[in-house]
Amino acid sequence: MVVALPALLTFAVFSWWPIIRGLSMSVHRTTFVGPDAWAGPNNFEYVLTDPRLVTATLNTAEFAVLAIVFGFPLPLTLAVIVSTVSGRARRLFAALAYLPVIVPPVVAILLWKLLFDPGPTGLLNTVLGAAGLGPFAWLNSPELAMPSIVAQATWAGAGTSVLIYLAALTSVRAELYEAAALDGAGVLNRIWHVTLPQIRNVILVMLLLQIIGATQVFTEPFLMTGGGPEDSTLTILLLMYRYAFGGEGDYGAATALGALLAVVLAALSGIYLRLTRRWQQ
């Protein structure tokens, strides 16, 4: 216990104290200059009646759906493909898959902004122009801005998932594949009836983590679009940032929105775990 005490104190100071402080700020008017004034439920009422909350919630839901539909199966597919090779080739493919994670997020996002240059000389528009397509406005278009952000986020985050799935695939016993092959199962059938059931617990946990992560997206819309155009990429965390640092200086509303988001995510996680309990067995 004595040996673990420094680690426990460090964890409490840097993890639990910010949570407690945030909950306190959500029911106070905080300026960081004078003493906090009691606000009670006023901060929550302000957030819940703010019309921007509906926009931010819908945009966040759109990002989460697109990120899961396109971003969740991609690393799993890549991991299954990479697992079919061995030796140096496997290590090379795994390293290439993880390479986007190594690139600093801000650098990667700025590079993708250059890729999505809306002008006819933009990199992506130049490539599509050779096929007679475009130019497209990309980040300047309310319809294309969110899918563009999803593409960048999927590229940046897939590497970690690929490595986790590769580690999980090593636990699948080879004799199961051999038995399935003897029964006449093809490659797709072996993947569907052997591979996926054997790593289903990892898949379910990764899906839950991706849902939670997608609802907390901030860096990509903040750096790529600033929430625009026309608030089409305004997310919940970006709205929290605007409350606190976007000129409003309303730290109480920002922490109140954070508390509401935490409650919603906790409820969604509980429902998800309950619905998938049978699949995990």
C-alpha atoms as a PDB file:
ATOM      1  CA  MET A   1       0.000   0.000   0.000  1.00  0.00           C
ATOM      2  CA  VAL A   2       2.822   2.396   0.892  1.00  0.00           C
ATOM      3  CA  VAL A   3       4.576   1.676  -2.397  1.00  0.00           C
ATOM      4  CA  ALA A   4       1.406   2.374  -4.386  1.00  0.00           C
ATOM      5  CA  LEU A   5       0.555   5.550  -2.456  1.00  0.00           C
ATOM      6  CA  PRO A   6       2.506   7.987  -4.694  1.00  0.00           C
ATOM      7  CA  ALA A   7       0.892   6.557  -7.800  1.00  0.00           C
ATOM      8  CA  LEU A   8      -2.569   6.731  -6.212  1.00  0.00           C
ATOM      9  CA  LEU A   9      -2.041  10.337  -5.133  1.00  0.00           C
ATOM     10  CA  THR A  10      -0.819  11.299  -8.599  1.00  0.00           C
ATOM     11  CA  PHE A  11      -3.819   9.620 -10.190  1.00  0.00           C
ATOM     12  CA  ALA A  12      -6.196  11.360  -7.780  1.00  0.00           C
ATOM     13  CA  VAL A  13      -4.682  14.797  -8.356  1.00  0.00           C
ATOM     14  CA  PHE A  14      -4.569  14.617 -12.148  1.00  0.00           C
ATOM     15  CA  SER A  15      -7.670  12.482 -12.792  1.00  0.00           C
ATOM     16  CA  TRP A  16     -10.257  12.751 -10.041  1.00  0.00           C
ATOM     17  CA  TRP A  17      -9.631  16.317  -8.877  1.00  0.00           C
ATOM     18  CA  PRO A  18     -10.347  17.828 -12.347  1.00  0.00           C
ATOM     19  CA  ILE A  19     -13.597  15.833 -12.442  1.00  0.00           C
ATOM     20  CA  ILE A  20     -14.646  17.074  -9.001  1.00  0.00           C
ATOM     21  CA  ARG A  21     -13.609  20.627  -9.872  1.00  0.00           C
ATOM     22  CA  GLY A  22     -15.550  20.452 -13.136  1.00  0.00           C
ATOM     23  CA  LEU A  23     -18.701  19.296 -11.384  1.00  0.00           C
ATOM     24  CA  SER A  24     -18.342  22.174  -8.943  1.00  0.00           C
ATOM     25  CA  MET A  25     -17.861  24.688 -11.765  1.00  0.00           C
ATOM     26  CA  SER A  26     -20.976  23.406 -13.531  1.00  0.00           C
ATOM     27  CA  VAL A  27     -23.161  24.812 -10.747  1.00  0.00           C
ATOM     28  CA  HIS A  28     -21.201  28.034 -10.217  1.00  0.00           C
ATOM     29  CA  ARG A  29     -20.344  31.177 -12.152  1.00  0.00           C
ATOM     30  CA  THR A  30     -16.585  30.965 -12.425  1.00  0.00           C
ATOM     31  CA  THR A  31     -14.294  33.782 -13.556  1.00  0.00           C
ATOM     32  CA  PHE A  32     -10.962  32.592 -12.041  1.00  0.00           C
ATOM     33  CA  VAL A  33     -10.567  36.128 -10.730  1.00  0.00           C
ATOM     34  CA  GLY A  34     -12.872  36.380  -7.737  1.00  0.00           C
ATOM     35  CA  PRO A  35     -14.806  33.840  -5.701  1.00  0.00           C
ATOM     36  CA  ASP A  36     -17.251  31.566  -7.498  1.00  0.00           C
ATOM     37  CA  ALA A  37     -20.916  32.547  -7.345  1.00  0.00           C
ATOM     38  CA  TRP A  38     -23.596  29.919  -6.934  1.00  0.00           C
ATOM     39  CA  ALA A  39     -25.590  29.385 -10.134  1.00  0.00           C
ATOM     40  CA  GLY A  40     -27.456  26.192  -9.341  1.00  0.00           C
ATOM     41  CA  PRO A  41     -29.193  24.719 -12.396  1.00  0.00           C
ATOM     42  CA  ASN A  42     -28.910  27.946 -14.405  1.00  0.00           C
ATOM     43  CA  ASN A  43     -25.868  26.731 -16.348  1.00  0.00           C
ATOM     44  CA  PHE A  44     -27.665  23.533 -17.336  1.00  0.00           C
ATOM     45  CA  GLU A  45     -30.786  25.458 -18.325  1.00  0.00           C
ATOM     46  CA  TYR A  46     -28.726  27.788 -20.506  1.00  0.00           C
ATOM     47  CA  VAL A  47     -27.004  24.885 -22.255  1.00  0.00           C
ATOM     48  CA  LEU A  48     -30.203  22.903 -22.801  1.00  0.00           C
ATOM     49  CA  THR A  49     -32.023  25.909 -24.261  1.00  0.00           C
ATOM     50  CA  ASP A  50     -29.129  26.964 -26.502  1.00  0.00           C
ATOM     51  CA  PRO A  51     -30.169  26.286 -30.137  1.00  0.00           C
ATOM     52  CA  ARG A  52     -26.539  25.525 -30.962  1.00  0.00           C
ATOM     53  CA  LEU A  53     -26.765  22.405 -28.804  1.00  0.00           C
ATOM     54  CA  VAL A  54     -29.170  20.760 -31.260  1.00  0.00           C
ATOM     55  CA  THR A  55     -26.849  21.570 -34.157  1.00  0.00           C
ATOM     56  CA  ALA A  56     -23.786  20.312 -32.283  1.00  0.00           C
ATOM     57  CA  THR A  57     -25.564  17.113 -31.223  1.00  0.00           C
ATOM     58  CA  LEU A  58     -26.729  16.314 -34.739  1.00  0.00           C
ATOM     59  CA  ASN A  59     -23.286  17.027 -36.173  1.00  0.00           C
ATOM     60  CA  THR A  60     -21.623  14.863 -33.538  1.00  0.00           C
ATOM     61  CA  ALA A  61     -24.082  12.055 -34.250  1.00  0.00           C
ATOM     62  CA  GLU A  62     -23.366  12.375 -37.979  1.00  0.00           C
ATOM     63  CA  PHE A  63     -19.634  12.166 -37.357  1.00  0.00           C
ATOM     64  CA  ALA A  64     -20.060   9.156 -35.053  1.00  0.00           C
ATOM     65  CA  VAL A  65     -22.235   7.276 -37.548  1.00  0.00           C
ATOM     66  CA  LEU A  66     -19.890   7.946 -40.472  1.00  0.00           C
ATOM     67  CA  ALA A  67     -16.811   7.136 -38.389  1.00  0.00           C
ATOM     68  CA  ILE A  68     -18.295   3.810 -37.299  1.00  0.00           C
ATOM     69  CA  VAL A  69     -19.742   2.785 -40.663  1.00  0.00           C
ATOM     70  CA  PHE A  70     -16.526   3.529 -42.554  1.00  0.00           C
ATOM     71  CA  GLY A  71     -13.851   3.664 -39.874  1.00  0.00           C
ATOM     72  CA  PHE A  72     -14.720   0.633 -37.758  1.00  0.00           C
ATOM     73  CA  PRO A  73     -14.591  -2.202 -40.334  1.00  0.00           C
ATOM     74  CA  LEU A  74     -11.510  -0.794 -42.091  1.00  0.00           C
ATOM     75  CA  PRO A  75      -8.858  -1.597 -39.416  1.00  0.00           C
ATOM     76  CA  LEU A  76     -10.451  -4.976 -38.752  1.00  0.00           C
ATOM     77  CA  THR A  77     -10.285  -5.820 -42.451  1.00  0.00           C
ATOM     78  CA  LEU A  78      -6.693  -4.630 -42.684  1.00  0.00           C
ATOM     79  CA  ALA A  79      -5.733  -6.684 -39.634  1.00  0.00           C
ATOM     80  CA  VAL A  80      -7.274  -9.845 -41.095  1.00  0.00           C
ATOM     81  CA  ILE A  81      -5.445  -9.274 -44.380  1.00  0.00           C
ATOM     82  CA  VAL A  82      -2.115  -8.561 -42.682  1.00  0.00           C
ATOM     83  CA  SER A  83      -2.511 -11.651 -40.483  1.00  0.00           C
ATOM     84  CA  THR A  84      -2.502 -13.850 -43.602  1.00  0.00           C
ATOM     85  CA  VAL A  85       1.129 -12.971 -44.339  1.00  0.00           C
ATOM     86  CA  SER A  86       4.123 -13.836 -42.176  1.00  0.00           C
ATOM     87  CA  GLY A  87       7.690 -12.851 -41.485  1.00  0.00           C
ATOM     88  CA  ARG A  88       9.085  -9.500 -42.529  1.00  0.00           C
ATOM     89  CA  ALA A  89       6.143  -8.722 -44.779  1.00  0.00           C
ATOM     90  CA  ARG A  90       3.766  -8.857 -41.828  1.00  0.00           C
ATOM     91  CA  ARG A  91       5.954  -6.577 -39.719  1.00  0.00           C
ATOM     92  CA  LEU A  92       6.297  -4.173 -42.641  1.00  0.00           C
ATOM     93  CA  PHE A  93       2.548  -3.992 -43.254  1.00  0.00           C
ATOM     94  CA  ALA A  94       1.882  -3.525 -39.539  1.00  0.00           C
ATOM     95  CA  ALA A  95       4.405  -0.687 -39.403  1.00  0.00           C
ATOM     96  CA  LEU A  96       2.875   0.983 -42.464  1.00  0.00           C
ATOM     97  CA  ALA A  97      -0.595   0.701 -40.925  1.00  0.00           C
ATOM     98  CA  TYR A  98       0.650   2.344 -37.720  1.00  0.00           C
ATOM     99  CA  LEU A  99       2.593   5.079 -39.497  1.00  0.00           C
ATOM    100  CA  PRO A 100      -0.280   7.650 -39.489  1.00  0.00           C
ATOM    101  CA  VAL A 101      -0.459   7.375 -35.691  1.00  0.00           C
ATOM    102  CA  ILE A 102       3.189   8.415 -35.418  1.00  0.00           C
ATOM    103  CA  VAL A 103       2.585  11.639 -37.340  1.00  0.00           C
ATOM    104  CA  PRO A 104       1.738  14.459 -34.879  1.00  0.00           C
ATOM    105  CA  PRO A 105      -2.036  15.086 -35.061  1.00  0.00           C
ATOM    106  CA  VAL A 106      -1.744  18.801 -35.797  1.00  0.00           C
ATOM    107  CA  VAL A 107       0.757  18.182 -38.593  1.00  0.00           C
ATOM    108  CA  ALA A 108      -1.430  15.458 -40.078  1.00  0.00           C
ATOM    109  CA  ILE A 109      -4.530  17.641 -39.983  1.00  0.00           C
ATOM    110  CA  LEU A 110      -2.742  20.572 -41.630  1.00  0.00           C
ATOM    111  CA  LEU A 111      -1.463  18.250 -44.374  1.00  0.00           C
ATOM    112  CA  TRP A 112      -4.996  17.013 -44.961  1.00  0.00           C
ATOM    113  CA  LYS A 113      -6.173  20.634 -45.177  1.00  0.00           C
ATOM    114  CA  LEU A 114      -3.746  21.068 -48.058  1.00  0.00           C
ATOM    115  CA  LEU A 115      -5.107  17.881 -49.603  1.00  0.00           C
ATOM    116  CA  PHE A 116      -8.637  19.284 -49.368  1.00  0.00           C
ATOM    117  CA  ASP A 117      -7.735  22.644 -50.914  1.00  0.00           C
ATOM    118  CA  PRO A 118     -10.989  23.694 -52.640  1.00  0.00           C
ATOM    119  CA  GLY A 119      -9.242  25.365 -55.546  1.00  0.00           C
ATOM    120  CA  PRO A 120      -8.836  23.651 -58.916  1.00  0.00           C
ATOM    121  CA  THR A 121      -5.105  23.343 -58.207  1.00  0.00           C
ATOM    122  CA  GLY A 122      -5.694  21.569 -54.888  1.00  0.00           C
ATOM    123  CA  LEU A 123      -4.054  18.159 -54.640  1.00  0.00           C
ATOM    124  CA  LEU A 124      -7.213  16.072 -54.422  1.00  0.00           C
ATOM    125  CA  ASN A 125      -9.076  18.231 -56.928  1.00  0.00           C
ATOM    126  CA  THR A 126      -6.138  17.917 -59.331  1.00  0.00           C
ATOM    127  CA  VAL A 127      -6.260  14.120 -59.106  1.00  0.00           C
ATOM    128  CA  LEU A 128     -10.031  14.048 -59.580  1.00  0.00           C
ATOM    129  CA  GLY A 129      -9.785  16.635 -62.328  1.00  0.00           C
ATOM    130  CA  ALA A 130      -7.717  14.191 -64.361  1.00  0.00           C
ATOM    131  CA  ALA A 131     -10.774  11.937 -64.325  1.00  0.00           C
ATOM    132  CA  GLY A 132     -13.071  14.800 -65.290  1.00  0.00           C
ATOM    133  CA  LEU A 133     -14.468  15.306 -61.778  1.00  0.00           C
ATOM    134  CA  GLY A 134     -14.682  18.414 -59.639  1.00  0.00           C
ATOM    135  CA  PRO A 135     -13.407  20.704 -58.439  1.00  0.00           C
ATOM    136  CA  PHE A 136     -15.145  20.208 -55.101  1.00  0.00           C
ATOM    137  CA  ALA A 137     -15.332  22.689 -52.236  1.00  0.00           C
ATOM    138  CA  TRP A 138     -14.513  19.988 -49.612  1.00  0.00           C
ATOM    139  CA  LEU A 139     -14.045  21.789 -46.284  1.00  0.00           C
ATOM    140  CA  ASN A 140     -15.857  24.865 -47.595  1.00  0.00           C
ATOM    141  CA  SER A 141     -18.990  22.871 -48.389  1.00  0.00           C
ATOM    142  CA  PRO A 142     -21.608  22.203 -45.668  1.00  0.00           C
ATOM    143  CA  GLU A 143     -22.345  18.860 -47.324  1.00  0.00           C
ATOM    144  CA  LEU A 144     -18.735  17.660 -47.811  1.00  0.00           C
ATOM    145  CA  ALA A 145     -17.006  19.130 -44.754  1.00  0.00           C
ATOM    146  CA  MET A 146     -18.064  16.423 -42.286  1.00  0.00           C
ATOM    147  CA  PRO A 147     -17.281  13.451 -44.593  1.00  0.00           C
ATOM    148  CA  SER A 148     -13.877  15.045 -45.257  1.00  0.00           C
ATOM    149  CA  ILE A 149     -13.174  15.248 -41.524  1.00  0.00           C
ATOM    150  CA  VAL A 150     -14.269  11.623 -41.099  1.00  0.00           C
ATOM    151  CA  ALA A 151     -11.832  10.553 -43.821  1.00  0.00           C
ATOM    152  CA  GLN A 152      -8.943  12.253 -42.025  1.00  0.00           C
ATOM    153  CA  ALA A 153      -9.935  10.883 -38.610  1.00  0.00           C
ATOM    154  CA  THR A 154     -10.266   7.353 -40.006  1.00  0.00           C
ATOM    155  CA  TRP A 155      -6.829   7.552 -41.613  1.00  0.00           C
ATOM    156  CA  ALA A 156      -5.258   8.880 -38.420  1.00  0.00           C
ATOM    157  CA  GLY A 157      -6.817   6.439 -35.981  1.00  0.00           C
ATOM    158  CA  ALA A 158      -6.913   3.139 -37.852  1.00  0.00           C
ATOM    159  CA  GLY A 159      -3.308   2.148 -37.053  1.00  0.00           C
ATOM    160  CA  THR A 160      -3.829   1.581 -33.345  1.00  0.00           C
ATOM    161  CA  SER A 161      -6.905  -0.558 -33.979  1.00  0.00           C
ATOM    162  CA  VAL A 162      -5.010  -2.617 -36.561  1.00  0.00           C
ATOM    163  CA  LEU A 163      -2.303  -3.504 -34.027  1.00  0.00           C
ATOM    164  CA  ILE A 164      -4.868  -4.413 -31.372  1.00  0.00           C
ATOM    165  CA  TYR A 165      -6.731  -6.672 -33.788  1.00  0.00           C
ATOM    166  CA  LEU A 166      -3.458  -8.258 -34.935  1.00  0.00           C
ATOM    167  CA  ALA A 167      -2.624  -9.064 -31.318  1.00  0.00           C
ATOM    168  CA  ALA A 168      -6.096 -10.552 -30.832  1.00  0.00           C
ATOM    169  CA  LEU A 169      -5.790 -12.656 -33.989  1.00  0.00           C
ATOM    170  CA  THR A 170      -2.685 -14.360 -32.635  1.00  0.00           C
ATOM    171  CA  SER A 171      -4.885 -15.985 -29.972  1.00  0.00           C
ATOM    172  CA  VAL A 172      -7.015 -17.801 -32.558  1.00  0.00           C
ATOM    173  CA  ARG A 173      -5.889 -21.420 -32.614  1.00  0.00           C
ATOM    174  CA  ALA A 174      -4.646 -22.692 -35.973  1.00  0.00           C
ATOM    175  CA  GLU A 175      -6.459 -26.031 -35.563  1.00  0.00           C
ATOM    176  CA  LEU A 176      -9.792 -24.209 -35.792  1.00  0.00           C
ATOM    177  CA  TYR A 177      -8.900 -23.009 -39.276  1.00  0.00           C
ATOM    178  CA  GLU A 178      -7.701 -26.483 -40.194  1.00  0.00           C
ATOM    179  CA  ALA A 179     -10.946 -28.049 -39.018  1.00  0.00           C
ATOM    180  CA  ALA A 180     -12.987 -25.500 -40.954  1.00  0.00           C
ATOM    181  CA  ALA A 181     -10.907 -26.130 -44.079  1.00  0.00           C
ATOM    182  CA  LEU A 182     -11.484 -29.867 -43.761  1.00  0.00           C
ATOM    183  CA  ASP A 183     -15.210 -29.184 -43.608  1.00  0.00           C
ATOM    184  CA  GLY A 184     -14.943 -27.358 -46.922  1.00  0.00           C
ATOM    185  CA  ALA A 185     -15.184 -23.797 -45.598  1.00  0.00           C
ATOM    186  CA  GLY A 186     -13.736 -21.141 -47.885  1.00  0.00           C
ATOM    187  CA  VAL A 187     -11.706 -18.126 -46.827  1.00  0.00           C
ATOM    188  CA  LEU A 188     -14.722 -15.888 -46.199  1.00  0.00           C
ATOM    189  CA  ASN A 189     -16.539 -18.610 -44.269  1.00  0.00           C
ATOM    190  CA  ARG A 190     -13.476 -19.226 -42.104  1.00  0.00           C
ATOM    191  CA  ILE A 191     -13.262 -15.516 -41.325  1.00  0.00           C
ATOM    192  CA  TRP A 192     -16.993 -15.269 -40.543  1.00  0.00           C
ATOM    193  CA  HIS A 193     -17.363 -18.473 -38.524  1.00  0.00           C
ATOM    194  CA  VAL A 194     -13.919 -18.773 -36.926  1.00  0.00           C
ATOM    195  CA  THR A 195     -11.992 -15.506 -36.847  1.00  0.00           C
ATOM    196  CA  LEU A 196     -14.722 -13.047 -35.879  1.00  0.00           C
ATOM    197  CA  PRO A 197     -16.357 -15.232 -33.174  1.00  0.00           C
ATOM    198  CA  GLN A 198     -12.962 -15.889 -31.570  1.00  0.00           C
ATOM    199  CA  ILE A 199     -12.160 -12.178 -31.205  1.00  0.00           C
ATOM    200  CA  ARG A 200     -15.719 -10.944 -30.650  1.00  0.00           C
ATOM    201  CA  ASN A 201     -14.950  -9.604 -27.157  1.00  0.00           C
ATOM    202  CA  VAL A 202     -12.155  -7.439 -28.547  1.00  0.00           C
ATOM    203  CA  ILE A 203     -14.416  -6.256 -31.370  1.00  0.00           C
ATOM    204  CA  LEU A 204     -17.184  -5.288 -28.957  1.00  0.00           C
ATOM    205  CA  VAL A 205     -14.799  -3.363 -26.692  1.00  0.00           C
ATOM    206  CA  MET A 206     -13.219  -1.579 -29.655  1.00  0.00           C
ATOM    207  CA  LEU A 207     -16.659  -0.619 -30.966  1.00  0.00           C
ATOM    208  CA  LEU A 208     -17.608   0.864 -27.599  1.00  0.00           C
ATOM    209  CA  LEU A 209     -14.345   2.807 -27.420  1.00  0.00           C
ATOM    210  CA  GLN A 210     -14.851   4.124 -30.935  1.00  0.00           C
ATOM    211  CA  ILE A 211     -18.385   5.268 -30.120  1.00  0.00           C
ATOM    212  CA  ILE A 212     -17.106   7.132 -27.063  1.00  0.00           C
ATOM    213  CA  GLY A 213     -14.184   8.601 -28.983  1.00  0.00           C
ATOM    214  CA  ALA A 214     -16.345   9.684 -31.923  1.00  0.00           C
ATOM    215  CA  THR A 215     -18.723  11.598 -29.663  1.00  0.00           C
ATOM    216  CA  GLN A 216     -15.757  13.501 -28.223  1.00  0.00           C
ATOM    217  CA  VAL A 217     -14.278  14.641 -31.532  1.00  0.00           C
ATOM    218  CA  PHE A 218     -12.679  18.066 -31.246  1.00  0.00           C
ATOM    219  CA  THR A 219      -9.227  18.435 -32.784  1.00  0.00           C
ATOM    220  CA  GLU A 220     -10.232  17.678 -36.370  1.00  0.00           C
ATOM    221  CA  PRO A 221     -13.155  20.119 -36.703  1.00  0.00           C
ATOM    222  CA  PHE A 222     -11.340  22.738 -34.618  1.00  0.00           C
ATOM    223  CA  LEU A 223      -8.268  22.792 -36.856  1.00  0.00           C
ATOM    224  CA  MET A 224      -9.825  21.919 -40.210  1.00  0.00           C
ATOM    225  CA  THR A 225     -12.998  24.017 -40.246  1.00  0.00           C
ATOM    226  CA  GLY A 226     -13.391  25.795 -36.904  1.00  0.00           C
ATOM    227  CA  GLY A 227     -16.936  24.422 -36.800  1.00  0.00           C
ATOM    228  CA  GLY A 228     -17.927  25.826 -40.186  1.00  0.00           C
ATOM    229  CA  PRO A 229     -19.069  26.304 -42.776  1.00  0.00           C
ATOM    230  CA  GLU A 230     -22.413  27.443 -41.374  1.00  0.00           C
ATOM    231  CA  ASP A 231     -21.812  25.407 -38.184  1.00  0.00           C
ATOM    232  CA  SER A 232     -22.015  22.202 -40.254  1.00  0.00           C
ATOM    233  CA  THR A 233     -19.063  20.732 -38.320  1.00  0.00           C
ATOM    234  CA  LEU A 234     -19.809  22.244 -34.913  1.00  0.00           C
ATOM    235  CA  THR A 235     -19.484  19.361 -32.426  1.00  0.00           C
ATOM    236  CA  ILE A 236     -20.338  19.121 -28.749  1.00  0.00           C
ATOM    237  CA  LEU A 237     -16.740  19.529 -27.579  1.00  0.00           C
ATOM    238  CA  LEU A 238     -16.228  22.416 -29.973  1.00  0.00           C
ATOM    239  CA  LEU A 239     -19.310  24.079 -28.500  1.00  0.00           C
ATOM    240  CA  MET A 240     -17.809  23.567 -25.039  1.00  0.00           C
ATOM    241  CA  TYR A 241     -14.663  25.306 -26.266  1.00  0.00           C
ATOM    242  CA  ARG A 242     -16.694  28.241 -27.583  1.00  0.00           C
ATOM    243  CA  TYR A 243     -18.459  28.579 -24.240  1.00  0.00           C
ATOM    244  CA  ALA A 244     -15.180  28.745 -22.337  1.00  0.00           C
ATOM    245  CA  PHE A 245     -12.628  30.264 -24.729  1.00  0.00           C
ATOM    246  CA  GLY A 246     -14.533  31.486 -27.774  1.00  0.00           C
ATOM    247  CA  GLY A 247     -15.182  34.949 -26.398  1.00  0.00           C
ATOM    248  CA  GLU A 248     -18.067  34.051 -24.090  1.00  0.00           C
ATOM    249  CA  GLY A 249     -15.908  33.131 -21.106  1.00  0.00           C
ATOM    250  CA  ASP A 250     -18.737  31.046 -19.670  1.00  0.00           C
ATOM    251  CA  TYR A 251     -16.838  28.292 -17.883  1.00  0.00           C
ATOM    252  CA  GLY A 252     -19.935  27.202 -15.996  1.00  0.00           C
ATOM    253  CA  ALA A 253     -21.831  26.475 -19.203  1.00  0.00           C
ATOM    254  CA  ALA A 254     -18.804  24.647 -20.640  1.00  0.00           C
ATOM    255  CA  THR A 255     -18.453  22.364 -17.629  1.00  0.00           C
ATOM    256  CA  ALA A 256     -22.228  21.870 -17.459  1.00  0.00           C
ATOM    257  CA  LEU A 257     -22.217  20.661 -21.061  1.00  0.00           C
ATOM    258  CA  GLY A 258     -19.285  18.393 -20.236  1.00  0.00           C
ATOM    259  CA  ALA A 259     -21.195  16.915 -17.301  1.00  0.00           C
ATOM    260  CA  LEU A 260     -24.249  16.303 -19.498  1.00  0.00           C
ATOM    261  CA  LEU A 261     -22.085  14.604 -22.116  1.00  0.00           C
ATOM    262  CA  ALA A 262     -20.503  12.385 -19.445  1.00  0.00           C
ATOM    263  CA  VAL A 263     -23.938  11.312 -18.194  1.00  0.00           C
ATOM    264  CA  VAL A 264     -25.131  10.521 -21.718  1.00  0.00           C
ATOM    265  CA  LEU A 265     -21.989   8.517 -22.520  1.00  0.00           C
ATOM    266  CA  ALA A 266     -22.254   6.604 -19.245  1.00  0.00           C
ATOM    267  CA  ALA A 267     -25.876   5.740 -20.031  1.00  0.00           C
ATOM    268  CA  LEU A 268     -25.029   4.699 -23.596  1.00  0.00           C
ATOM    269  CA  SER A 269     -22.137   2.569 -22.348  1.00  0.00           C
ATOM    270  CA  GLY A 270     -24.393   0.830 -19.822  1.00  0.00           C
ATOM    271  CA  ILE A 271     -27.036   0.143 -22.458  1.00  0.00           C
ATOM    272  CA  TYR A 272     -24.396  -1.093 -24.913  1.00  0.00           C
ATOM    273  CA  LEU A 273     -22.828  -3.461 -22.378  1.00  0.00           C
ATOM    274  CA  ARG A 274     -26.230  -4.815 -21.420  1.00  0.00           C
ATOM    275  CA  LEU A 275     -27.265  -5.401 -25.039  1.00  0.00           C
ATOM    276  CA  THR A 276     -23.973  -7.103 -25.922  1.00  0.00           C
ATOM    277  CA  ARG A 277     -23.651  -9.193 -22.764  1.00  0.00           C
ATOM    278  CA  ARG A 278     -25.036 -12.292 -24.515  1.00  0.00           C
ATOM    279  CA  TRP A 279     -22.617 -11.859 -27.444  1.00  0.00           C
ATOM    280  CA  GLN A 280     -19.646 -11.683 -25.091  1.00  0.00           C
ATOM    281  CA  GLN A 281     -20.367 -15.109 -23.629  1.00  0.00           C
END
